[in-house]
Amino acid sequence: MSFREIGLSRSQRARRSNLKQLQPKQHKQRSALLGEEQLFLDDQVLSFRQWCVLNGFSERTGRRVLASGNGPVVIQLSEKRIGITVGSNRVWQASRSRT
């Protein structure tokens, strides 16, 4: 490989890394998943993912909370899908508060 070919491959790599810096990954925001300024009713059912976003933790942490037995009451929506009502989430959060 000649010196010129080495220089070309390095410059192509540099261009690619600059493109990555210019186009950062799009992260899902809380407002995008839940809707901005949304009013929640106690009987409204949140999907598992929405519940995790609302509480500010990852899906893995959400699964750990539910598996521990100390999480909110879960509703089985289908064979593979679960949900949590806003009311049960509110009760669960209140039980977790420190005095």
PDB file of N, CA and C in Angstrom:
ATOM      1  N   MET A   1       0.844  -1.165   0.000  1.00  0.00           N
ATOM      2  CA  MET A   1       0.000   0.000   0.000  1.00  0.00           C
ATOM      3  C   MET A   1       0.897   1.237   0.000  1.00  0.00           C
ATOM      4  N   SER A   2       0.635   2.125  -0.926  1.00  0.00           N
ATOM      5  CA  SER A   2       1.467   3.319  -1.040  1.00  0.00           C
ATOM      6  C   SER A   2       1.053   4.356   0.000  1.00  0.00           C
ATOM      7  N   PHE A   3       1.919   5.358   0.150  1.00  0.00           N
ATOM      8  CA  PHE A   3       1.652   6.435   1.093  1.00  0.00           C
ATOM      9  C   PHE A   3       0.363   7.181   0.721  1.00  0.00           C
ATOM     10  N   ARG A   4       0.137   7.352  -0.588  1.00  0.00           N
ATOM     11  CA  ARG A   4      -1.073   8.049  -1.054  1.00  0.00           C
ATOM     12  C   ARG A   4      -2.336   7.264  -0.700  1.00  0.00           C
ATOM     13  N   GLU A   5      -2.299   5.942  -0.860  1.00  0.00           N
ATOM     14  CA  GLU A   5      -3.454   5.115  -0.518  1.00  0.00           C
ATOM     15  C   GLU A   5      -3.746   5.151   0.982  1.00  0.00           C
ATOM     16  N   ILE A   6      -2.701   5.172   1.803  1.00  0.00           N
ATOM     17  CA  ILE A   6      -2.872   5.266   3.250  1.00  0.00           C
ATOM     18  C   ILE A   6      -3.540   6.592   3.610  1.00  0.00           C
ATOM     19  N   GLY A   7      -3.089   7.665   2.949  1.00  0.00           N
ATOM     20  CA  GLY A   7      -3.668   8.987   3.197  1.00  0.00           C
ATOM     21  C   GLY A   7      -5.134   9.044   2.817  1.00  0.00           C
ATOM     22  N   LEU A   8      -5.506   8.391   1.711  1.00  0.00           N
ATOM     23  CA  LEU A   8      -6.906   8.371   1.295  1.00  0.00           C
ATOM     24  C   LEU A   8      -7.773   7.611   2.290  1.00  0.00           C
ATOM     25  N   SER A   9      -7.295   6.458   2.743  1.00  0.00           N
ATOM     26  CA  SER A   9      -8.112   5.678   3.681  1.00  0.00           C
ATOM     27  C   SER A   9      -8.274   6.424   4.995  1.00  0.00           C
ATOM     28  N   ARG A  10      -7.238   7.133   5.430  1.00  0.00           N
ATOM     29  CA  ARG A  10      -7.355   7.906   6.667  1.00  0.00           C
ATOM     30  C   ARG A  10      -8.343   9.059   6.500  1.00  0.00           C
ATOM     31  N   SER A  11      -8.307   9.713   5.368  1.00  0.00           N
ATOM     32  CA  SER A  11      -9.212  10.844   5.177  1.00  0.00           C
ATOM     33  C   SER A  11     -10.658  10.373   5.077  1.00  0.00           C
ATOM     34  N   GLN A  12     -10.886   9.203   4.490  1.00  0.00           N
ATOM     35  CA  GLN A  12     -12.247   8.676   4.431  1.00  0.00           C
ATOM     36  C   GLN A  12     -12.754   8.333   5.829  1.00  0.00           C
ATOM     37  N   ARG A  13     -11.872   7.778   6.648  1.00  0.00           N
ATOM     38  CA  ARG A  13     -12.250   7.473   8.030  1.00  0.00           C
ATOM     39  C   ARG A  13     -12.567   8.753   8.790  1.00  0.00           C
ATOM     40  N   ALA A  14     -11.759   9.771   8.571  1.00  0.00           N
ATOM     41  CA  ALA A  14     -11.982  11.049   9.243  1.00  0.00           C
ATOM     42  C   ALA A  14     -13.315  11.654   8.821  1.00  0.00           C
ATOM     43  N   ARG A  15     -13.646  11.542   7.532  1.00  0.00           N
ATOM     44  CA  ARG A  15     -14.925  12.073   7.054  1.00  0.00           C
ATOM     45  C   ARG A  15     -16.101  11.355   7.703  1.00  0.00           C
ATOM     46  N   ARG A  16     -15.972  10.040   7.810  1.00  0.00           N
ATOM     47  CA  ARG A  16     -17.047   9.261   8.424  1.00  0.00           C
ATOM     48  C   ARG A  16     -17.238   9.647   9.883  1.00  0.00           C
ATOM     49  N   SER A  17     -16.142   9.814  10.616  1.00  0.00           N
ATOM     50  CA  SER A  17     -16.270  10.172  12.027  1.00  0.00           C
ATOM     51  C   SER A  17     -16.849  11.572  12.182  1.00  0.00           C
ATOM     52  N   ASN A  18     -16.530  12.478  11.244  1.00  0.00           N
ATOM     53  CA  ASN A  18     -17.119  13.813  11.297  1.00  0.00           C
ATOM     54  C   ASN A  18     -18.618  13.758  11.041  1.00  0.00           C
ATOM     55  N   LEU A  19     -19.051  12.888  10.127  1.00  0.00           N
ATOM     56  CA  LEU A  19     -20.483  12.749   9.875  1.00  0.00           C
ATOM     57  C   LEU A  19     -21.210  12.243  11.105  1.00  0.00           C
ATOM     58  N   LYS A  20     -20.591  11.311  11.821  1.00  0.00           N
ATOM     59  CA  LYS A  20     -21.206  10.789  13.032  1.00  0.00           C
ATOM     60  C   LYS A  20     -21.360  11.893  14.075  1.00  0.00           C
ATOM     61  N   GLN A  21     -20.375  12.774  14.160  1.00  0.00           N
ATOM     62  CA  GLN A  21     -20.455  13.865  15.122  1.00  0.00           C
ATOM     63  C   GLN A  21     -21.517  14.879  14.722  1.00  0.00           C
ATOM     64  N   LEU A  22     -21.701  15.080  13.424  1.00  0.00           N
ATOM     65  CA  LEU A  22     -22.677  16.056  12.969  1.00  0.00           C
ATOM     66  C   LEU A  22     -24.104  15.557  13.107  1.00  0.00           C
ATOM     67  N   GLN A  23     -24.320  14.237  13.064  1.00  0.00           N
ATOM     68  CA  GLN A  23     -25.655  13.672  13.137  1.00  0.00           C
ATOM     69  C   GLN A  23     -25.779  12.815  14.393  1.00  0.00           C
ATOM     70  N   PRO A  24     -26.045  13.420  15.546  1.00  0.00           N
ATOM     71  CA  PRO A  24     -26.151  12.629  16.772  1.00  0.00           C
ATOM     72  C   PRO A  24     -27.397  11.745  16.739  1.00  0.00           C
ATOM     73  N   LYS A  25     -27.366  10.696  17.520  1.00  0.00           N
ATOM     74  CA  LYS A  25     -28.500   9.777  17.572  1.00  0.00           C
ATOM     75  C   LYS A  25     -29.727  10.492  18.115  1.00  0.00           C
ATOM     76  N   GLN A  26     -30.858  10.132  17.586  1.00  0.00           N
ATOM     77  CA  GLN A  26     -32.120  10.695  18.056  1.00  0.00           C
ATOM     78  C   GLN A  26     -32.599   9.863  19.248  1.00  0.00           C
ATOM     79  N   HIS A  27     -32.642  10.464  20.409  1.00  0.00           N
ATOM     80  CA  HIS A  27     -33.121   9.770  21.593  1.00  0.00           C
ATOM     81  C   HIS A  27     -34.595  10.069  21.786  1.00  0.00           C
ATOM     82  N   LYS A  28     -35.337   9.041  22.187  1.00  0.00           N
ATOM     83  CA  LYS A  28     -36.750   9.255  22.469  1.00  0.00           C
ATOM     84  C   LYS A  28     -36.860  10.060  23.758  1.00  0.00           C
ATOM     85  N   GLN A  29     -37.652  11.083  23.683  1.00  0.00           N
ATOM     86  CA  GLN A  29     -37.835  11.900  24.866  1.00  0.00           C
ATOM     87  C   GLN A  29     -39.116  11.507  25.559  1.00  0.00           C
ATOM     88  N   ARG A  30     -39.217  11.904  26.801  1.00  0.00           N
ATOM     89  CA  ARG A  30     -40.394  11.615  27.589  1.00  0.00           C
ATOM     90  C   ARG A  30     -41.650  12.163  26.940  1.00  0.00           C
ATOM     91  N   SER A  31     -41.574  13.387  26.441  1.00  0.00           N
ATOM     92  CA  SER A  31     -42.755  14.021  25.863  1.00  0.00           C
ATOM     93  C   SER A  31     -43.192  13.326  24.578  1.00  0.00           C
ATOM     94  N   ALA A  32     -42.256  12.755  23.837  1.00  0.00           N
ATOM     95  CA  ALA A  32     -42.606  12.092  22.579  1.00  0.00           C
ATOM     96  C   ALA A  32     -43.381  10.805  22.835  1.00  0.00           C
ATOM     97  N   LEU A  33     -43.040  10.097  23.888  1.00  0.00           N
ATOM     98  CA  LEU A  33     -43.692   8.822  24.158  1.00  0.00           C
ATOM     99  C   LEU A  33     -45.007   8.995  24.914  1.00  0.00           C
ATOM    100  N   LEU A  34     -45.058   9.944  25.808  1.00  0.00           N
ATOM    101  CA  LEU A  34     -46.255  10.131  26.621  1.00  0.00           C
ATOM    102  C   LEU A  34     -47.172  11.228  26.104  1.00  0.00           C
ATOM    103  N   GLY A  35     -46.694  12.097  25.260  1.00  0.00           N
ATOM    104  CA  GLY A  35     -47.488  13.231  24.808  1.00  0.00           C
ATOM    105  C   GLY A  35     -47.272  14.398  25.758  1.00  0.00           C
ATOM    106  N   GLU A  36     -47.128  15.568  25.214  1.00  0.00           N
ATOM    107  CA  GLU A  36     -46.853  16.722  26.056  1.00  0.00           C
ATOM    108  C   GLU A  36     -48.071  17.139  26.852  1.00  0.00           C
ATOM    109  N   GLU A  37     -47.835  17.498  28.111  1.00  0.00           N
ATOM    110  CA  GLU A  37     -48.873  18.049  28.975  1.00  0.00           C
ATOM    111  C   GLU A  37     -50.135  17.196  28.984  1.00  0.00           C
ATOM    112  N   GLN A  38     -49.977  15.892  28.998  1.00  0.00           N
ATOM    113  CA  GLN A  38     -51.129  15.006  28.959  1.00  0.00           C
ATOM    114  C   GLN A  38     -51.691  14.851  30.370  1.00  0.00           C
ATOM    115  N   LEU A  39     -52.998  14.924  30.480  1.00  0.00           N
ATOM    116  CA  LEU A  39     -53.681  14.726  31.753  1.00  0.00           C
ATOM    117  C   LEU A  39     -53.988  13.243  31.901  1.00  0.00           C
ATOM    118  N   PHE A  40     -53.546  12.651  32.998  1.00  0.00           N
ATOM    119  CA  PHE A  40     -53.757  11.225  33.213  1.00  0.00           C
ATOM    120  C   PHE A  40     -54.916  11.001  34.165  1.00  0.00           C
ATOM    121  N   LEU A  41     -55.800  10.089  33.819  1.00  0.00           N
ATOM    122  CA  LEU A  41     -56.897   9.679  34.674  1.00  0.00           C
ATOM    123  C   LEU A  41     -56.481   8.427  35.425  1.00  0.00           C
ATOM    124  N   ASP A  42     -57.032   8.215  36.620  1.00  0.00           N
ATOM    125  CA  ASP A  42     -56.620   7.075  37.437  1.00  0.00           C
ATOM    126  C   ASP A  42     -56.904   5.730  36.783  1.00  0.00           C
ATOM    127  N   ASP A  43     -57.951   5.652  35.982  1.00  0.00           N
ATOM    128  CA  ASP A  43     -58.301   4.385  35.341  1.00  0.00           C
ATOM    129  C   ASP A  43     -57.574   4.157  34.015  1.00  0.00           C
ATOM    130  N   GLN A  44     -56.804   5.125  33.577  1.00  0.00           N
ATOM    131  CA  GLN A  44     -56.092   5.006  32.307  1.00  0.00           C
ATOM    132  C   GLN A  44     -54.965   3.975  32.434  1.00  0.00           C
ATOM    133  N   VAL A  45     -54.839   3.112  31.445  1.00  0.00           N
ATOM    134  CA  VAL A  45     -53.815   2.061  31.466  1.00  0.00           C
ATOM    135  C   VAL A  45     -52.619   2.510  30.644  1.00  0.00           C
ATOM    136  N   LEU A  46     -51.462   2.473  31.266  1.00  0.00           N
ATOM    137  CA  LEU A  46     -50.198   2.784  30.587  1.00  0.00           C
ATOM    138  C   LEU A  46     -49.564   1.490  30.114  1.00  0.00           C
ATOM    139  N   SER A  47     -48.966   1.518  28.943  1.00  0.00           N
ATOM    140  CA  SER A  47     -48.198   0.350  28.516  1.00  0.00           C
ATOM    141  C   SER A  47     -46.964   0.246  29.408  1.00  0.00           C
ATOM    142  N   PHE A  48     -46.313  -0.884  29.382  1.00  0.00           N
ATOM    143  CA  PHE A  48     -45.119  -1.073  30.211  1.00  0.00           C
ATOM    144  C   PHE A  48     -44.070  -0.028  29.888  1.00  0.00           C
ATOM    145  N   ARG A  49     -43.847   0.230  28.618  1.00  0.00           N
ATOM    146  CA  ARG A  49     -42.844   1.209  28.197  1.00  0.00           C
ATOM    147  C   ARG A  49     -43.217   2.616  28.666  1.00  0.00           C
ATOM    148  N   GLN A  50     -44.490   2.992  28.543  1.00  0.00           N
ATOM    149  CA  GLN A  50     -44.931   4.305  29.008  1.00  0.00           C
ATOM    150  C   GLN A  50     -44.756   4.434  30.511  1.00  0.00           C
ATOM    151  N   TRP A  51     -45.033   3.368  31.230  1.00  0.00           N
ATOM    152  CA  TRP A  51     -44.860   3.381  32.684  1.00  0.00           C
ATOM    153  C   TRP A  51     -43.402   3.609  33.061  1.00  0.00           C
ATOM    154  N   CYS A  52     -42.497   2.943  32.348  1.00  0.00           N
ATOM    155  CA  CYS A  52     -41.066   3.119  32.609  1.00  0.00           C
ATOM    156  C   CYS A  52     -40.636   4.551  32.329  1.00  0.00           C
ATOM    157  N   VAL A  53     -41.090   5.112  31.225  1.00  0.00           N
ATOM    158  CA  VAL A  53     -40.723   6.489  30.869  1.00  0.00           C
ATOM    159  C   VAL A  53     -41.291   7.459  31.895  1.00  0.00           C
ATOM    160  N   LEU A  54     -42.526   7.244  32.303  1.00  0.00           N
ATOM    161  CA  LEU A  54     -43.156   8.121  33.277  1.00  0.00           C
ATOM    162  C   LEU A  54     -42.388   8.149  34.591  1.00  0.00           C
ATOM    163  N   ASN A  55     -41.866   7.007  35.007  1.00  0.00           N
ATOM    164  CA  ASN A  55     -41.122   6.922  36.262  1.00  0.00           C
ATOM    165  C   ASN A  55     -39.633   7.209  36.094  1.00  0.00           C
ATOM    166  N   GLY A  56     -39.179   7.330  34.859  1.00  0.00           N
ATOM    167  CA  GLY A  56     -37.791   7.740  34.614  1.00  0.00           C
ATOM    168  C   GLY A  56     -36.763   6.644  34.777  1.00  0.00           C
ATOM    169  N   PHE A  57     -37.136   5.400  34.528  1.00  0.00           N
ATOM    170  CA  PHE A  57     -36.122   4.350  34.550  1.00  0.00           C
ATOM    171  C   PHE A  57     -36.225   3.481  33.303  1.00  0.00           C
ATOM    172  N   SER A  58     -35.218   2.636  33.118  1.00  0.00           N
ATOM    173  CA  SER A  58     -35.144   1.808  31.912  1.00  0.00           C
ATOM    174  C   SER A  58     -36.137   0.651  32.000  1.00  0.00           C
ATOM    175  N   GLU A  59     -36.350  -0.002  30.866  1.00  0.00           N
ATOM    176  CA  GLU A  59     -37.252  -1.152  30.840  1.00  0.00           C
ATOM    177  C   GLU A  59     -36.702  -2.300  31.683  1.00  0.00           C
ATOM    178  N   ARG A  60     -35.401  -2.454  31.687  1.00  0.00           N
ATOM    179  CA  ARG A  60     -34.783  -3.517  32.495  1.00  0.00           C
ATOM    180  C   ARG A  60     -35.046  -3.264  33.977  1.00  0.00           C
ATOM    181  N   THR A  61     -34.902  -2.041  34.415  1.00  0.00           N
ATOM    182  CA  THR A  61     -35.179  -1.705  35.809  1.00  0.00           C
ATOM    183  C   THR A  61     -36.659  -1.908  36.118  1.00  0.00           C
ATOM    184  N   GLY A  62     -37.527  -1.549  35.164  1.00  0.00           N
ATOM    185  CA  GLY A  62     -38.956  -1.761  35.348  1.00  0.00           C
ATOM    186  C   GLY A  62     -39.291  -3.231  35.544  1.00  0.00           C
ATOM    187  N   ARG A  63     -38.648  -4.085  34.774  1.00  0.00           N
ATOM    188  CA  ARG A  63     -38.883  -5.527  34.917  1.00  0.00           C
ATOM    189  C   ARG A  63     -38.385  -6.030  36.272  1.00  0.00           C
ATOM    190  N   ARG A  64     -37.253  -5.467  36.731  1.00  0.00           N
ATOM    191  CA  ARG A  64     -36.724  -5.842  38.045  1.00  0.00           C
ATOM    192  C   ARG A  64     -37.683  -5.424  39.158  1.00  0.00           C
ATOM    193  N   VAL A  65     -38.261  -4.218  39.038  1.00  0.00           N
ATOM    194  CA  VAL A  65     -39.202  -3.726  40.046  1.00  0.00           C
ATOM    195  C   VAL A  65     -40.421  -4.641  40.111  1.00  0.00           C
ATOM    196  N   LEU A  66     -40.949  -5.006  38.955  1.00  0.00           N
ATOM    197  CA  LEU A  66     -42.128  -5.873  38.931  1.00  0.00           C
ATOM    198  C   LEU A  66     -41.808  -7.282  39.425  1.00  0.00           C
ATOM    199  N   ALA A  67     -40.632  -7.782  39.101  1.00  0.00           N
ATOM    200  CA  ALA A  67     -40.244  -9.133  39.518  1.00  0.00           C
ATOM    201  C   ALA A  67     -39.991  -9.205  41.020  1.00  0.00           C
ATOM    202  N   SER A  68     -39.624  -8.089  41.631  1.00  0.00           N
ATOM    203  CA  SER A  68     -39.348  -8.083  43.069  1.00  0.00           C
ATOM    204  C   SER A  68     -40.605  -8.263  43.906  1.00  0.00           C
ATOM    205  N   GLY A  69     -41.770  -7.995  43.312  1.00  0.00           N
ATOM    206  CA  GLY A  69     -43.011  -8.115  44.053  1.00  0.00           C
ATOM    207  C   GLY A  69     -43.402  -6.847  44.787  1.00  0.00           C
ATOM    208  N   ASN A  70     -42.562  -5.819  44.718  1.00  0.00           N
ATOM    209  CA  ASN A  70     -42.841  -4.554  45.393  1.00  0.00           C
ATOM    210  C   ASN A  70     -43.347  -3.489  44.436  1.00  0.00           C
ATOM    211  N   GLY A  71     -43.652  -3.866  43.209  1.00  0.00           N
ATOM    212  CA  GLY A  71     -44.102  -2.910  42.205  1.00  0.00           C
ATOM    213  C   GLY A  71     -45.596  -2.666  42.279  1.00  0.00           C
ATOM    214  N   PRO A  72     -46.110  -1.869  41.366  1.00  0.00           N
ATOM    215  CA  PRO A  72     -47.552  -1.603  41.334  1.00  0.00           C
ATOM    216  C   PRO A  72     -48.331  -2.811  40.817  1.00  0.00           C
ATOM    217  N   VAL A  73     -49.632  -2.734  40.956  1.00  0.00           N
ATOM    218  CA  VAL A  73     -50.506  -3.799  40.456  1.00  0.00           C
ATOM    219  C   VAL A  73     -50.453  -3.786  38.934  1.00  0.00           C
ATOM    220  N   VAL A  74     -50.275  -4.964  38.345  1.00  0.00           N
ATOM    221  CA  VAL A  74     -50.105  -5.097  36.898  1.00  0.00           C
ATOM    222  C   VAL A  74     -51.382  -5.656  36.291  1.00  0.00           C
ATOM    223  N   ILE A  75     -51.746  -5.148  35.126  1.00  0.00           N
ATOM    224  CA  ILE A  75     -52.896  -5.647  34.378  1.00  0.00           C
ATOM    225  C   ILE A  75     -52.368  -6.431  33.183  1.00  0.00           C
ATOM    226  N   GLN A  76     -52.855  -7.646  33.004  1.00  0.00           N
ATOM    227  CA  GLN A  76     -52.452  -8.474  31.870  1.00  0.00           C
ATOM    228  C   GLN A  76     -53.338  -8.108  30.680  1.00  0.00           C
ATOM    229  N   LEU A  77     -52.804  -7.375  29.709  1.00  0.00           N
ATOM    230  CA  LEU A  77     -53.578  -6.921  28.564  1.00  0.00           C
ATOM    231  C   LEU A  77     -53.779  -8.022  27.528  1.00  0.00           C
ATOM    232  N   SER A  78     -52.770  -8.831  27.331  1.00  0.00           N
ATOM    233  CA  SER A  78     -52.849  -9.995  26.451  1.00  0.00           C
ATOM    234  C   SER A  78     -51.856 -11.017  26.979  1.00  0.00           C
ATOM    235  N   GLU A  79     -51.611 -12.075  26.223  1.00  0.00           N
ATOM    236  CA  GLU A  79     -50.688 -13.100  26.701  1.00  0.00           C
ATOM    237  C   GLU A  79     -49.294 -12.556  26.972  1.00  0.00           C
ATOM    238  N   LYS A  80     -48.849 -11.642  26.126  1.00  0.00           N
ATOM    239  CA  LYS A  80     -47.482 -11.135  26.238  1.00  0.00           C
ATOM    240  C   LYS A  80     -47.389  -9.668  26.628  1.00  0.00           C
ATOM    241  N   ARG A  81     -48.517  -9.021  26.831  1.00  0.00           N
ATOM    242  CA  ARG A  81     -48.506  -7.577  27.061  1.00  0.00           C
ATOM    243  C   ARG A  81     -49.099  -7.232  28.418  1.00  0.00           C
ATOM    244  N   ILE A  82     -48.394  -6.355  29.145  1.00  0.00           N
ATOM    245  CA  ILE A  82     -48.877  -5.932  30.444  1.00  0.00           C
ATOM    246  C   ILE A  82     -49.061  -4.419  30.452  1.00  0.00           C
ATOM    247  N   GLY A  83     -49.804  -3.945  31.430  1.00  0.00           N
ATOM    248  CA  GLY A  83     -50.023  -2.526  31.596  1.00  0.00           C
ATOM    249  C   GLY A  83     -50.181  -2.201  33.070  1.00  0.00           C
ATOM    250  N   ILE A  84     -50.048  -0.934  33.389  1.00  0.00           N
ATOM    251  CA  ILE A  84     -50.185  -0.456  34.763  1.00  0.00           C
ATOM    252  C   ILE A  84     -51.122   0.742  34.733  1.00  0.00           C
ATOM    253  N   THR A  85     -52.134   0.757  35.597  1.00  0.00           N
ATOM    254  CA  THR A  85     -53.031   1.913  35.622  1.00  0.00           C
ATOM    255  C   THR A  85     -52.336   3.078  36.305  1.00  0.00           C
ATOM    256  N   VAL A  86     -52.757   4.274  35.953  1.00  0.00           N
ATOM    257  CA  VAL A  86     -52.171   5.488  36.530  1.00  0.00           C
ATOM    258  C   VAL A  86     -52.450   5.520  38.031  1.00  0.00           C
ATOM    259  N   GLY A  87     -53.637   5.068  38.429  1.00  0.00           N
ATOM    260  CA  GLY A  87     -53.974   5.049  39.851  1.00  0.00           C
ATOM    261  C   GLY A  87     -53.087   4.121  40.655  1.00  0.00           C
ATOM    262  N   SER A  88     -52.843   2.912  40.145  1.00  0.00           N
ATOM    263  CA  SER A  88     -51.985   1.978  40.874  1.00  0.00           C
ATOM    264  C   SER A  88     -50.534   2.463  40.891  1.00  0.00           C
ATOM    265  N   ASN A  89     -50.115   3.159  39.837  1.00  0.00           N
ATOM    266  CA  ASN A  89     -48.774   3.747  39.831  1.00  0.00           C
ATOM    267  C   ASN A  89     -48.680   4.830  40.903  1.00  0.00           C
ATOM    268  N   ARG A  90     -49.721   5.642  41.038  1.00  0.00           N
ATOM    269  CA  ARG A  90     -49.732   6.718  42.029  1.00  0.00           C
ATOM    270  C   ARG A  90     -49.672   6.137  43.448  1.00  0.00           C
ATOM    271  N   VAL A  91     -50.447   5.074  43.698  1.00  0.00           N
ATOM    272  CA  VAL A  91     -50.434   4.414  45.013  1.00  0.00           C
ATOM    273  C   VAL A  91     -49.055   3.819  45.282  1.00  0.00           C
ATOM    274  N   TRP A  92     -48.472   3.184  44.279  1.00  0.00           N
ATOM    275  CA  TRP A  92     -47.139   2.587  44.427  1.00  0.00           C
ATOM    276  C   TRP A  92     -46.093   3.657  44.731  1.00  0.00           C
ATOM    277  N   GLN A  93     -46.147   4.775  44.019  1.00  0.00           N
ATOM    278  CA  GLN A  93     -45.196   5.851  44.282  1.00  0.00           C
ATOM    279  C   GLN A  93     -45.363   6.411  45.688  1.00  0.00           C
ATOM    280  N   ALA A  94     -46.604   6.536  46.152  1.00  0.00           N
ATOM    281  CA  ALA A  94     -46.846   7.040  47.498  1.00  0.00           C
ATOM    282  C   ALA A  94     -46.289   6.079  48.555  1.00  0.00           C
ATOM    283  N   SER A  95     -46.377   4.773  48.280  1.00  0.00           N
ATOM    284  CA  SER A  95     -45.851   3.800  49.234  1.00  0.00           C
ATOM    285  C   SER A  95     -44.324   3.820  49.270  1.00  0.00           C
ATOM    286  N   ARG A  96     -43.705   4.334  48.246  1.00  0.00           N
ATOM    287  CA  ARG A  96     -42.235   4.383  48.174  1.00  0.00           C
ATOM    288  C   ARG A  96     -41.661   5.658  48.776  1.00  0.00           C
ATOM    289  N   SER A  97     -42.498   6.612  49.166  1.00  0.00           N
ATOM    290  CA  SER A  97     -41.986   7.897  49.663  1.00  0.00           C
ATOM    291  C   SER A  97     -41.358   7.718  51.037  1.00  0.00           C
ATOM    292  N   ARG A  98     -40.323   8.488  51.277  1.00  0.00           N
ATOM    293  CA  ARG A  98     -39.631   8.460  52.560  1.00  0.00           C
ATOM    294  C   ARG A  98     -40.212   9.529  53.462  1.00  0.00           C
ATOM    295  N   THR A  99     -40.185   9.273  54.749  1.00  0.00           N
ATOM    296  CA  THR A  99     -40.712  10.276  55.687  1.00  0.00           C
ATOM    297  C   THR A  99     -39.620  11.001  56.402  1.00  0.00           C
TER     298      THR A  99
END
